[in-house]
Amino acid sequence: SATAEFVTPVPAPPAAPCESNLALAGLGARVESVSSNWGNLGMSSAFGGSKAIDDRQTTAWSSNGDGNGASITIRLAEKSHIVAVGMHSRSMGDGTSRIQEYKVYADRAGP
């Protein structure tokens, strides 16, 4: 019988998870829509939607009113494999305005 030789490729090590915040304006992400901005002002106002992705710890987006039902839609710069989602919440002096639940929706349409 004939003898055959073959070589199996060495598998590549698994990719390390990305620890970057892909939802930053500096990386090309953009706010597509918000339910409202505090004071019914524009996206670039003091608490406008653009503040959610500006990579500054001293700024934040705030919806108008008590925040119930508030939403923000952020489009990433490119299709991405998401392995974790995080967000920062704050509360008012009386303990209100704290985010207690959030939902993440993804579409496959791409940017």
N, C-alpha and C. Protein backbone atom coordinates (compact mmCIF):
# COMPACT_ATOMS: atom_id res chain seq x y z
N SER A 1 0.83 -1.19 0.00
CA SER A 1 0.00 0.00 0.00
C SER A 1 0.87 1.24 0.00
N ALA A 2 0.33 2.34 -0.53
CA ALA A 2 1.07 3.61 -0.64
C ALA A 2 1.03 4.35 0.69
N THR A 3 2.07 5.08 0.96
CA THR A 3 2.13 5.90 2.15
C THR A 3 1.94 7.36 1.74
N ALA A 4 1.08 8.06 2.45
CA ALA A 4 0.84 9.48 2.15
C ALA A 4 1.29 10.31 3.33
N GLU A 5 1.81 11.46 3.02
CA GLU A 5 2.21 12.41 4.06
C GLU A 5 1.30 13.62 3.99
N PHE A 6 0.95 14.14 5.14
CA PHE A 6 0.17 15.38 5.17
C PHE A 6 0.55 16.16 6.40
N VAL A 7 0.29 17.45 6.34
CA VAL A 7 0.62 18.36 7.44
C VAL A 7 -0.67 19.07 7.85
N THR A 8 -0.93 19.09 9.13
CA THR A 8 -2.09 19.84 9.60
C THR A 8 -1.62 21.22 10.04
N PRO A 9 -2.36 22.25 9.67
CA PRO A 9 -1.94 23.60 10.07
C PRO A 9 -2.06 23.79 11.58
N VAL A 10 -1.17 24.59 12.11
CA VAL A 10 -1.24 24.93 13.53
C VAL A 10 -2.37 25.93 13.71
N PRO A 11 -3.34 25.63 14.57
CA PRO A 11 -4.44 26.58 14.73
C PRO A 11 -3.96 27.90 15.33
N ALA A 12 -4.57 28.96 14.85
CA ALA A 12 -4.24 30.29 15.39
C ALA A 12 -4.81 30.41 16.80
N PRO A 13 -4.11 31.12 17.67
CA PRO A 13 -4.67 31.31 19.02
C PRO A 13 -5.94 32.14 18.92
N PRO A 14 -6.88 31.93 19.83
CA PRO A 14 -8.11 32.72 19.78
C PRO A 14 -7.80 34.20 19.96
N ALA A 15 -8.58 35.02 19.27
CA ALA A 15 -8.39 36.47 19.38
C ALA A 15 -8.78 36.94 20.77
N ALA A 16 -8.01 37.86 21.28
CA ALA A 16 -8.33 38.45 22.59
C ALA A 16 -9.55 39.33 22.42
N PRO A 17 -10.44 39.33 23.40
CA PRO A 17 -11.61 40.21 23.28
C PRO A 17 -11.18 41.67 23.24
N CYS A 18 -11.89 42.43 22.46
CA CYS A 18 -11.62 43.86 22.34
C CYS A 18 -12.13 44.55 23.59
N GLU A 19 -11.31 45.35 24.17
CA GLU A 19 -11.72 46.07 25.37
C GLU A 19 -11.94 47.54 25.05
N SER A 20 -12.20 47.83 23.79
CA SER A 20 -12.44 49.21 23.37
C SER A 20 -13.92 49.52 23.41
N ASN A 21 -14.21 50.78 23.57
CA ASN A 21 -15.58 51.26 23.47
C ASN A 21 -15.83 51.62 22.02
N LEU A 22 -16.55 50.78 21.31
CA LEU A 22 -16.81 51.00 19.89
C LEU A 22 -17.84 52.11 19.65
N ALA A 23 -18.57 52.47 20.69
CA ALA A 23 -19.62 53.48 20.56
C ALA A 23 -19.10 54.86 20.90
N LEU A 24 -18.01 55.26 20.27
CA LEU A 24 -17.44 56.59 20.49
C LEU A 24 -17.43 57.36 19.18
N ALA A 25 -17.74 58.64 19.25
CA ALA A 25 -17.71 59.49 18.07
C ALA A 25 -16.31 59.50 17.46
N GLY A 26 -15.29 59.48 18.29
CA GLY A 26 -13.91 59.49 17.80
C GLY A 26 -13.55 58.25 16.99
N LEU A 27 -14.35 57.19 17.11
CA LEU A 27 -14.12 55.97 16.33
C LEU A 27 -15.14 55.84 15.20
N GLY A 28 -15.90 56.91 14.98
CA GLY A 28 -16.85 56.92 13.87
C GLY A 28 -18.28 56.59 14.22
N ALA A 29 -18.57 56.30 15.47
CA ALA A 29 -19.97 56.03 15.86
C ALA A 29 -20.76 57.34 15.81
N ARG A 30 -22.06 57.22 15.65
CA ARG A 30 -22.90 58.42 15.64
C ARG A 30 -24.25 58.12 16.29
N VAL A 31 -24.80 59.14 16.90
CA VAL A 31 -26.13 59.02 17.49
C VAL A 31 -27.13 59.24 16.36
N GLU A 32 -27.93 58.23 16.10
CA GLU A 32 -28.94 58.35 15.04
C GLU A 32 -30.21 59.01 15.54
N SER A 33 -30.59 58.70 16.78
CA SER A 33 -31.81 59.30 17.31
C SER A 33 -31.84 59.18 18.82
N VAL A 34 -32.63 60.03 19.44
CA VAL A 34 -32.91 59.97 20.87
C VAL A 34 -34.41 60.20 21.06
N SER A 35 -34.93 59.70 22.16
CA SER A 35 -36.34 59.95 22.46
C SER A 35 -36.55 61.43 22.75
N SER A 36 -35.57 62.04 23.42
CA SER A 36 -35.58 63.48 23.71
C SER A 36 -34.24 63.85 24.30
N ASN A 37 -33.97 65.14 24.33
CA ASN A 37 -32.80 65.69 25.02
C ASN A 37 -33.32 66.59 26.13
N TRP A 38 -32.60 66.65 27.22
CA TRP A 38 -32.99 67.50 28.34
C TRP A 38 -33.25 68.92 27.86
N GLY A 39 -34.34 69.48 28.30
CA GLY A 39 -34.71 70.84 27.91
C GLY A 39 -35.24 70.95 26.50
N ASN A 40 -35.47 69.80 25.85
CA ASN A 40 -35.91 69.77 24.45
C ASN A 40 -34.95 70.52 23.54
N LEU A 41 -33.66 70.45 23.88
CA LEU A 41 -32.63 71.13 23.09
C LEU A 41 -32.01 70.16 22.09
N GLY A 42 -31.05 70.62 21.33
CA GLY A 42 -30.44 69.83 20.26
C GLY A 42 -29.44 68.78 20.72
N MET A 43 -28.98 67.99 19.77
CA MET A 43 -28.04 66.90 20.03
C MET A 43 -26.71 67.38 20.61
N SER A 44 -26.30 68.58 20.28
CA SER A 44 -25.01 69.09 20.77
C SER A 44 -25.15 69.96 22.01
N SER A 45 -26.37 70.04 22.56
CA SER A 45 -26.58 70.86 23.76
C SER A 45 -25.89 70.23 24.97
N ALA A 46 -25.95 70.90 26.10
CA ALA A 46 -25.25 70.47 27.31
C ALA A 46 -25.53 69.02 27.68
N PHE A 47 -26.76 68.53 27.48
CA PHE A 47 -27.11 67.14 27.78
C PHE A 47 -27.68 66.45 26.54
N GLY A 48 -27.23 66.89 25.35
CA GLY A 48 -27.71 66.31 24.10
C GLY A 48 -27.14 64.92 23.85
N GLY A 49 -27.75 64.21 22.92
CA GLY A 49 -27.36 62.85 22.60
C GLY A 49 -25.90 62.67 22.25
N SER A 50 -25.29 63.67 21.64
CA SER A 50 -23.88 63.54 21.26
C SER A 50 -22.97 63.39 22.48
N LYS A 51 -23.44 63.81 23.64
CA LYS A 51 -22.63 63.70 24.86
C LYS A 51 -22.51 62.25 25.34
N ALA A 52 -23.39 61.37 24.85
CA ALA A 52 -23.34 59.96 25.26
C ALA A 52 -22.13 59.24 24.67
N ILE A 53 -21.58 59.78 23.57
CA ILE A 53 -20.50 59.07 22.89
C ILE A 53 -19.25 59.93 22.71
N ASP A 54 -19.10 60.95 23.54
CA ASP A 54 -17.96 61.87 23.36
C ASP A 54 -16.71 61.46 24.14
N ASP A 55 -16.75 60.34 24.87
CA ASP A 55 -15.61 59.80 25.62
C ASP A 55 -15.13 60.72 26.74
N ARG A 56 -16.04 61.49 27.31
CA ARG A 56 -15.70 62.36 28.45
C ARG A 56 -16.50 61.91 29.66
N GLN A 57 -15.82 61.73 30.77
CA GLN A 57 -16.49 61.31 32.00
C GLN A 57 -17.32 62.44 32.62
N THR A 58 -17.09 63.66 32.19
CA THR A 58 -17.77 64.82 32.78
C THR A 58 -19.03 65.23 32.02
N THR A 59 -19.37 64.52 30.93
CA THR A 59 -20.58 64.84 30.17
C THR A 59 -21.50 63.63 30.12
N ALA A 60 -22.76 63.88 29.79
CA ALA A 60 -23.72 62.79 29.71
C ALA A 60 -24.93 63.23 28.90
N TRP A 61 -25.60 62.28 28.30
CA TRP A 61 -26.89 62.55 27.66
C TRP A 61 -27.97 62.42 28.73
N SER A 62 -28.96 63.26 28.66
CA SER A 62 -30.11 63.17 29.56
C SER A 62 -31.36 63.41 28.74
N SER A 63 -32.35 62.56 28.95
CA SER A 63 -33.62 62.76 28.27
C SER A 63 -34.41 63.84 29.00
N ASN A 64 -35.44 64.32 28.37
CA ASN A 64 -36.31 65.31 28.99
C ASN A 64 -37.28 64.60 29.94
N GLY A 65 -37.65 65.23 31.02
CA GLY A 65 -38.61 64.63 31.95
C GLY A 65 -37.98 63.59 32.85
N ASP A 66 -38.78 62.61 33.26
CA ASP A 66 -38.32 61.64 34.25
C ASP A 66 -37.50 60.51 33.64
N GLY A 67 -37.42 60.43 32.33
CA GLY A 67 -36.60 59.41 31.69
C GLY A 67 -37.29 58.10 31.41
N ASN A 68 -38.50 57.93 31.90
CA ASN A 68 -39.23 56.69 31.62
C ASN A 68 -39.43 56.56 30.12
N GLY A 69 -39.05 55.42 29.58
CA GLY A 69 -39.19 55.18 28.15
C GLY A 69 -38.15 55.87 27.29
N ALA A 70 -37.12 56.44 27.90
CA ALA A 70 -36.09 57.12 27.12
C ALA A 70 -35.32 56.12 26.27
N SER A 71 -34.86 56.57 25.12
CA SER A 71 -34.09 55.70 24.24
C SER A 71 -33.06 56.50 23.46
N ILE A 72 -31.99 55.82 23.11
CA ILE A 72 -30.95 56.39 22.26
C ILE A 72 -30.51 55.31 21.28
N THR A 73 -30.34 55.70 20.03
CA THR A 73 -29.89 54.77 19.00
C THR A 73 -28.51 55.22 18.53
N ILE A 74 -27.55 54.34 18.67
CA ILE A 74 -26.17 54.64 18.28
C ILE A 74 -25.77 53.69 17.17
N ARG A 75 -25.27 54.25 16.07
CA ARG A 75 -24.80 53.45 14.93
C ARG A 75 -23.28 53.37 15.03
N LEU A 76 -22.75 52.16 15.08
CA LEU A 76 -21.30 51.97 15.11
C LEU A 76 -20.72 52.26 13.73
N ALA A 77 -19.43 52.52 13.67
CA ALA A 77 -18.78 52.88 12.42
C ALA A 77 -18.76 51.73 11.42
N GLU A 78 -18.72 50.50 11.92
CA GLU A 78 -18.68 49.35 11.03
C GLU A 78 -19.27 48.14 11.73
N LYS A 79 -19.54 47.10 10.97
CA LYS A 79 -20.03 45.86 11.57
C LYS A 79 -19.01 45.40 12.59
N SER A 80 -19.49 44.94 13.73
CA SER A 80 -18.59 44.56 14.82
C SER A 80 -19.13 43.34 15.54
N HIS A 81 -18.23 42.59 16.11
CA HIS A 81 -18.59 41.46 16.96
C HIS A 81 -18.62 41.99 18.39
N ILE A 82 -19.80 42.09 18.97
CA ILE A 82 -19.97 42.65 20.30
C ILE A 82 -19.95 41.51 21.32
N VAL A 83 -19.08 41.63 22.31
CA VAL A 83 -19.00 40.58 23.34
C VAL A 83 -19.46 41.09 24.71
N ALA A 84 -19.61 42.38 24.85
CA ALA A 84 -20.06 42.94 26.13
C ALA A 84 -20.64 44.33 25.88
N VAL A 85 -21.53 44.72 26.75
CA VAL A 85 -22.14 46.05 26.69
C VAL A 85 -22.08 46.64 28.09
N GLY A 86 -21.71 47.90 28.17
CA GLY A 86 -21.68 48.58 29.46
C GLY A 86 -22.29 49.96 29.33
N MET A 87 -22.68 50.50 30.43
CA MET A 87 -23.20 51.87 30.44
C MET A 87 -23.00 52.45 31.83
N HIS A 88 -23.08 53.74 31.90
CA HIS A 88 -22.90 54.46 33.16
C HIS A 88 -24.22 55.13 33.50
N SER A 89 -24.64 55.01 34.74
CA SER A 89 -25.87 55.65 35.19
C SER A 89 -25.54 56.58 36.35
N ARG A 90 -26.35 57.55 36.51
CA ARG A 90 -26.21 58.46 37.65
C ARG A 90 -27.58 58.62 38.28
N SER A 91 -27.65 59.20 39.44
CA SER A 91 -28.95 59.44 40.05
C SER A 91 -29.00 60.86 40.60
N MET A 92 -30.19 61.36 40.70
CA MET A 92 -30.41 62.68 41.25
C MET A 92 -30.25 62.61 42.77
N GLY A 93 -30.19 63.75 43.43
CA GLY A 93 -30.03 63.80 44.88
C GLY A 93 -31.11 63.04 45.63
N ASP A 94 -32.29 62.94 45.03
CA ASP A 94 -33.38 62.21 45.71
C ASP A 94 -33.42 60.73 45.33
N GLY A 95 -32.40 60.26 44.60
CA GLY A 95 -32.31 58.85 44.24
C GLY A 95 -33.05 58.46 42.97
N THR A 96 -33.69 59.41 42.31
CA THR A 96 -34.41 59.10 41.08
C THR A 96 -33.46 59.17 39.89
N SER A 97 -34.00 58.90 38.73
CA SER A 97 -33.27 58.97 37.45
C SER A 97 -32.21 57.90 37.30
N ARG A 98 -32.31 56.86 38.04
CA ARG A 98 -31.34 55.77 37.96
C ARG A 98 -31.81 54.75 36.92
N ILE A 99 -30.92 54.37 36.01
CA ILE A 99 -31.27 53.35 35.02
C ILE A 99 -31.30 52.00 35.71
N GLN A 100 -32.44 51.35 35.63
CA GLN A 100 -32.60 50.06 36.29
C GLN A 100 -32.67 48.92 35.28
N GLU A 101 -32.94 49.24 34.04
CA GLU A 101 -33.06 48.22 33.01
C GLU A 101 -32.75 48.86 31.67
N TYR A 102 -32.10 48.11 30.81
CA TYR A 102 -31.91 48.58 29.45
C TYR A 102 -31.93 47.39 28.50
N LYS A 103 -32.26 47.67 27.25
CA LYS A 103 -32.32 46.65 26.22
C LYS A 103 -31.37 47.05 25.10
N VAL A 104 -30.76 46.07 24.50
CA VAL A 104 -29.86 46.29 23.37
C VAL A 104 -30.46 45.59 22.17
N TYR A 105 -30.58 46.30 21.09
CA TYR A 105 -31.07 45.75 19.85
C TYR A 105 -29.96 45.84 18.83
N ALA A 106 -29.83 44.84 18.01
CA ALA A 106 -28.81 44.86 16.96
C ALA A 106 -29.49 44.58 15.63
N ASP A 107 -29.04 45.26 14.59
CA ASP A 107 -29.55 44.92 13.26
C ASP A 107 -28.38 44.40 12.44
N ARG A 108 -28.68 43.69 11.44
CA ARG A 108 -27.64 43.10 10.60
C ARG A 108 -27.47 43.87 9.31
N ALA A 109 -28.09 45.02 9.22
CA ALA A 109 -28.04 45.80 7.99
C ALA A 109 -26.69 46.46 7.78
N GLY A 110 -25.95 46.67 8.85
CA GLY A 110 -24.66 47.35 8.73
C GLY A 110 -24.82 48.84 8.69
N PRO A 111 -23.70 49.55 8.75
CA PRO A 111 -23.76 51.02 8.79
C PRO A 111 -24.27 51.61 7.49
